[in-house]
Amino acid sequence: MDEDISAVAALIGDPTRARMLQALMGGIALPAGELAMCANVAPQTASA
């Protein structure tokens, strides 16, 4: 079980992913383009 938690924690630890998750915590679905803007990455990066 510890391996599962550490894998998820590593993903959340990535600043880009963390910003996207924060945006989604608002309770509404966001398209990849808006998530990209929140994370300051290209839309292609957000949808990959």
PDB file of N, CA and C in Angstrom:
ATOM      1  N   MET A   1       0.826  -1.196   0.000  1.00  0.00           N
ATOM      2  CA  MET A   1       0.000   0.000   0.000  1.00  0.00           C
ATOM      3  C   MET A   1       0.869   1.258   0.000  1.00  0.00           C
ATOM      4  N   ASP A   2       1.985   1.252   0.696  1.00  0.00           N
ATOM      5  CA  ASP A   2       2.860   2.422   0.735  1.00  0.00           C
ATOM      6  C   ASP A   2       3.350   2.801  -0.652  1.00  0.00           C
ATOM      7  N   GLU A   3       3.570   1.787  -1.507  1.00  0.00           N
ATOM      8  CA  GLU A   3       4.024   2.068  -2.867  1.00  0.00           C
ATOM      9  C   GLU A   3       2.965   2.860  -3.629  1.00  0.00           C
ATOM     10  N   ASP A   4       1.691   2.502  -3.424  1.00  0.00           N
ATOM     11  CA  ASP A   4       0.607   3.202  -4.105  1.00  0.00           C
ATOM     12  C   ASP A   4       0.544   4.663  -3.678  1.00  0.00           C
ATOM     13  N   ILE A   5       0.667   4.914  -2.406  1.00  0.00           N
ATOM     14  CA  ILE A   5       0.609   6.283  -1.888  1.00  0.00           C
ATOM     15  C   ILE A   5       1.794   7.092  -2.394  1.00  0.00           C
ATOM     16  N   SER A   6       2.964   6.504  -2.401  1.00  0.00           N
ATOM     17  CA  SER A   6       4.141   7.256  -2.840  1.00  0.00           C
ATOM     18  C   SER A   6       4.071   7.579  -4.328  1.00  0.00           C
ATOM     19  N   ALA A   7       3.479   6.699  -5.128  1.00  0.00           N
ATOM     20  CA  ALA A   7       3.342   6.977  -6.559  1.00  0.00           C
ATOM     21  C   ALA A   7       2.403   8.151  -6.789  1.00  0.00           C
ATOM     22  N   VAL A   8       1.282   8.173  -6.074  1.00  0.00           N
ATOM     23  CA  VAL A   8       0.329   9.282  -6.207  1.00  0.00           C
ATOM     24  C   VAL A   8       0.953  10.568  -5.687  1.00  0.00           C
ATOM     25  N   ALA A   9       1.635  10.492  -4.569  1.00  0.00           N
ATOM     26  CA  ALA A   9       2.277  11.683  -4.006  1.00  0.00           C
ATOM     27  C   ALA A   9       3.318  12.252  -4.962  1.00  0.00           C
ATOM     28  N   ALA A  10       4.042  11.396  -5.644  1.00  0.00           N
ATOM     29  CA  ALA A  10       5.042  11.868  -6.606  1.00  0.00           C
ATOM     30  C   ALA A  10       4.375  12.603  -7.758  1.00  0.00           C
ATOM     31  N   LEU A  11       3.239  12.105  -8.218  1.00  0.00           N
ATOM     32  CA  LEU A  11       2.520  12.777  -9.302  1.00  0.00           C
ATOM     33  C   LEU A  11       1.998  14.134  -8.851  1.00  0.00           C
ATOM     34  N   ILE A  12       1.431  14.197  -7.651  1.00  0.00           N
ATOM     35  CA  ILE A  12       0.901  15.464  -7.141  1.00  0.00           C
ATOM     36  C   ILE A  12       2.043  16.435  -6.861  1.00  0.00           C
ATOM     37  N   GLY A  13       3.215  15.920  -6.552  1.00  0.00           N
ATOM     38  CA  GLY A  13       4.367  16.761  -6.270  1.00  0.00           C
ATOM     39  C   GLY A  13       4.877  17.527  -7.479  1.00  0.00           C
ATOM     40  N   ASP A  14       4.485  17.097  -8.661  1.00  0.00           N
ATOM     41  CA  ASP A  14       4.862  17.820  -9.876  1.00  0.00           C
ATOM     42  C   ASP A  14       4.086  19.136  -9.908  1.00  0.00           C
ATOM     43  N   PRO A  15       4.756  20.291  -9.993  1.00  0.00           N
ATOM     44  CA  PRO A  15       4.061  21.581  -9.927  1.00  0.00           C
ATOM     45  C   PRO A  15       2.962  21.764 -10.971  1.00  0.00           C
ATOM     46  N   THR A  16       3.183  21.282 -12.178  1.00  0.00           N
ATOM     47  CA  THR A  16       2.167  21.430 -13.225  1.00  0.00           C
ATOM     48  C   THR A  16       0.919  20.639 -12.873  1.00  0.00           C
ATOM     49  N   ARG A  17       1.110  19.399 -12.471  1.00  0.00           N
ATOM     50  CA  ARG A  17      -0.045  18.570 -12.100  1.00  0.00           C
ATOM     51  C   ARG A  17      -0.748  19.135 -10.870  1.00  0.00           C
ATOM     52  N   ALA A  18       0.023  19.636  -9.922  1.00  0.00           N
ATOM     53  CA  ALA A  18      -0.573  20.198  -8.713  1.00  0.00           C
ATOM     54  C   ALA A  18      -1.453  21.404  -9.047  1.00  0.00           C
ATOM     55  N   ARG A  19      -1.004  22.268  -9.961  1.00  0.00           N
ATOM     56  CA  ARG A  19      -1.814  23.431 -10.338  1.00  0.00           C
ATOM     57  C   ARG A  19      -3.098  22.989 -11.039  1.00  0.00           C
ATOM     58  N   MET A  20      -3.000  21.963 -11.880  1.00  0.00           N
ATOM     59  CA  MET A  20      -4.201  21.455 -12.549  1.00  0.00           C
ATOM     60  C   MET A  20      -5.180  20.862 -11.539  1.00  0.00           C
ATOM     61  N   LEU A  21      -4.663  20.115 -10.582  1.00  0.00           N
ATOM     62  CA  LEU A  21      -5.534  19.543  -9.558  1.00  0.00           C
ATOM     63  C   LEU A  21      -6.196  20.631  -8.727  1.00  0.00           C
ATOM     64  N   GLN A  22      -5.458  21.683  -8.401  1.00  0.00           N
ATOM     65  CA  GLN A  22      -6.044  22.795  -7.656  1.00  0.00           C
ATOM     66  C   GLN A  22      -7.181  23.424  -8.440  1.00  0.00           C
ATOM     67  N   ALA A  23      -7.005  23.591  -9.729  1.00  0.00           N
ATOM     68  CA  ALA A  23      -8.056  24.170 -10.566  1.00  0.00           C
ATOM     69  C   ALA A  23      -9.291  23.278 -10.559  1.00  0.00           C
ATOM     70  N   LEU A  24      -9.095  21.973 -10.592  1.00  0.00           N
ATOM     71  CA  LEU A  24     -10.222  21.041 -10.611  1.00  0.00           C
ATOM     72  C   LEU A  24     -10.918  20.935  -9.261  1.00  0.00           C
ATOM     73  N   MET A  25     -10.248  21.343  -8.195  1.00  0.00           N
ATOM     74  CA  MET A  25     -10.855  21.283  -6.867  1.00  0.00           C
ATOM     75  C   MET A  25     -11.972  22.299  -6.698  1.00  0.00           C
ATOM     76  N   GLY A  26     -12.151  23.177  -7.683  1.00  0.00           N
ATOM     77  CA  GLY A  26     -13.253  24.126  -7.643  1.00  0.00           C
ATOM     78  C   GLY A  26     -14.606  23.462  -7.842  1.00  0.00           C
ATOM     79  N   GLY A  27     -14.592  22.196  -8.201  1.00  0.00           N
ATOM     80  CA  GLY A  27     -15.835  21.449  -8.310  1.00  0.00           C
ATOM     81  C   GLY A  27     -16.481  21.462  -9.682  1.00  0.00           C
ATOM     82  N   ILE A  28     -15.813  22.071 -10.661  1.00  0.00           N
ATOM     83  CA  ILE A  28     -16.368  22.064 -12.013  1.00  0.00           C
ATOM     84  C   ILE A  28     -15.350  21.444 -12.969  1.00  0.00           C
ATOM     85  N   ALA A  29     -15.875  20.798 -13.994  1.00  0.00           N
ATOM     86  CA  ALA A  29     -15.002  20.214 -15.012  1.00  0.00           C
ATOM     87  C   ALA A  29     -14.412  21.335 -15.859  1.00  0.00           C
ATOM     88  N   LEU A  30     -13.166  21.196 -16.226  1.00  0.00           N
ATOM     89  CA  LEU A  30     -12.491  22.184 -17.062  1.00  0.00           C
ATOM     90  C   LEU A  30     -11.892  21.487 -18.276  1.00  0.00           C
ATOM     91  N   PRO A  31     -12.003  22.106 -19.439  1.00  0.00           N
ATOM     92  CA  PRO A  31     -11.361  21.523 -20.616  1.00  0.00           C
ATOM     93  C   PRO A  31      -9.838  21.631 -20.505  1.00  0.00           C
ATOM     94  N   ALA A  32      -9.154  20.819 -21.289  1.00  0.00           N
ATOM     95  CA  ALA A  32      -7.689  20.780 -21.242  1.00  0.00           C
ATOM     96  C   ALA A  32      -7.071  22.153 -21.484  1.00  0.00           C
ATOM     97  N   GLY A  33      -7.662  22.954 -22.360  1.00  0.00           N
ATOM     98  CA  GLY A  33      -7.117  24.277 -22.640  1.00  0.00           C
ATOM     99  C   GLY A  33      -7.116  25.178 -21.418  1.00  0.00           C
ATOM    100  N   GLU A  34      -8.191  25.118 -20.626  1.00  0.00           N
ATOM    101  CA  GLU A  34      -8.246  25.937 -19.408  1.00  0.00           C
ATOM    102  C   GLU A  34      -7.279  25.416 -18.359  1.00  0.00           C
ATOM    103  N   LEU A  35      -7.164  24.096 -18.263  1.00  0.00           N
ATOM    104  CA  LEU A  35      -6.188  23.532 -17.328  1.00  0.00           C
ATOM    105  C   LEU A  35      -4.776  23.944 -17.724  1.00  0.00           C
ATOM    106  N   ALA A  36      -4.524  23.978 -19.013  1.00  0.00           N
ATOM    107  CA  ALA A  36      -3.211  24.400 -19.502  1.00  0.00           C
ATOM    108  C   ALA A  36      -2.927  25.838 -19.086  1.00  0.00           C
ATOM    109  N   MET A  37      -3.919  26.711 -19.218  1.00  0.00           N
ATOM    110  CA  MET A  37      -3.718  28.110 -18.812  1.00  0.00           C
ATOM    111  C   MET A  37      -3.428  28.199 -17.320  1.00  0.00           C
ATOM    112  N   CYS A  38      -4.144  27.434 -16.512  1.00  0.00           N
ATOM    113  CA  CYS A  38      -3.923  27.451 -15.065  1.00  0.00           C
ATOM    114  C   CYS A  38      -2.510  27.001 -14.704  1.00  0.00           C
ATOM    115  N   ALA A  39      -1.992  26.060 -15.481  1.00  0.00           N
ATOM    116  CA  ALA A  39      -0.684  25.478 -15.182  1.00  0.00           C
ATOM    117  C   ALA A  39       0.454  26.111 -15.969  1.00  0.00           C
ATOM    118  N   ASN A  40       0.132  27.088 -16.814  1.00  0.00           N
ATOM    119  CA  ASN A  40       1.151  27.751 -17.638  1.00  0.00           C
ATOM    120  C   ASN A  40       1.910  26.775 -18.539  1.00  0.00           C
ATOM    121  N   VAL A  41       1.150  25.890 -19.185  1.00  0.00           N
ATOM    122  CA  VAL A  41       1.748  24.955 -20.145  1.00  0.00           C
ATOM    123  C   VAL A  41       0.969  25.025 -21.450  1.00  0.00           C
ATOM    124  N   ALA A  42       1.524  24.454 -22.501  1.00  0.00           N
ATOM    125  CA  ALA A  42       0.847  24.412 -23.797  1.00  0.00           C
ATOM    126  C   ALA A  42      -0.370  23.490 -23.714  1.00  0.00           C
ATOM    127  N   PRO A  43      -1.432  23.803 -24.447  1.00  0.00           N
ATOM    128  CA  PRO A  43      -2.617  22.933 -24.429  1.00  0.00           C
ATOM    129  C   PRO A  43      -2.288  21.480 -24.770  1.00  0.00           C
ATOM    130  N   GLN A  44      -1.335  21.268 -25.651  1.00  0.00           N
ATOM    131  CA  GLN A  44      -0.952  19.903 -26.009  1.00  0.00           C
ATOM    132  C   GLN A  44      -0.380  19.156 -24.805  1.00  0.00           C
ATOM    133  N   THR A  45       0.311  19.877 -23.951  1.00  0.00           N
ATOM    134  CA  THR A  45       0.878  19.267 -22.750  1.00  0.00           C
ATOM    135  C   THR A  45      -0.225  18.860 -21.788  1.00  0.00           C
ATOM    136  N   ALA A  46      -1.240  19.696 -21.655  1.00  0.00           N
ATOM    137  CA  ALA A  46      -2.329  19.414 -20.724  1.00  0.00           C
ATOM    138  C   ALA A  46      -3.178  18.244 -21.178  1.00  0.00           C
ATOM    139  N   SER A  47      -3.260  18.019 -22.468  1.00  0.00           N
ATOM    140  CA  SER A  47      -4.121  16.946 -22.953  1.00  0.00           C
ATOM    141  C   SER A  47      -3.369  15.633 -23.152  1.00  0.00           C
ATOM    142  N   ALA A  48      -2.076  15.643 -22.931  1.00  0.00           N
ATOM    143  CA  ALA A  48      -1.280  14.414 -23.142  1.00  0.00           C
ATOM    144  C   ALA A  48      -1.435  13.447 -21.993  1.00  0.00           C
TER     145      ALA A  48
END
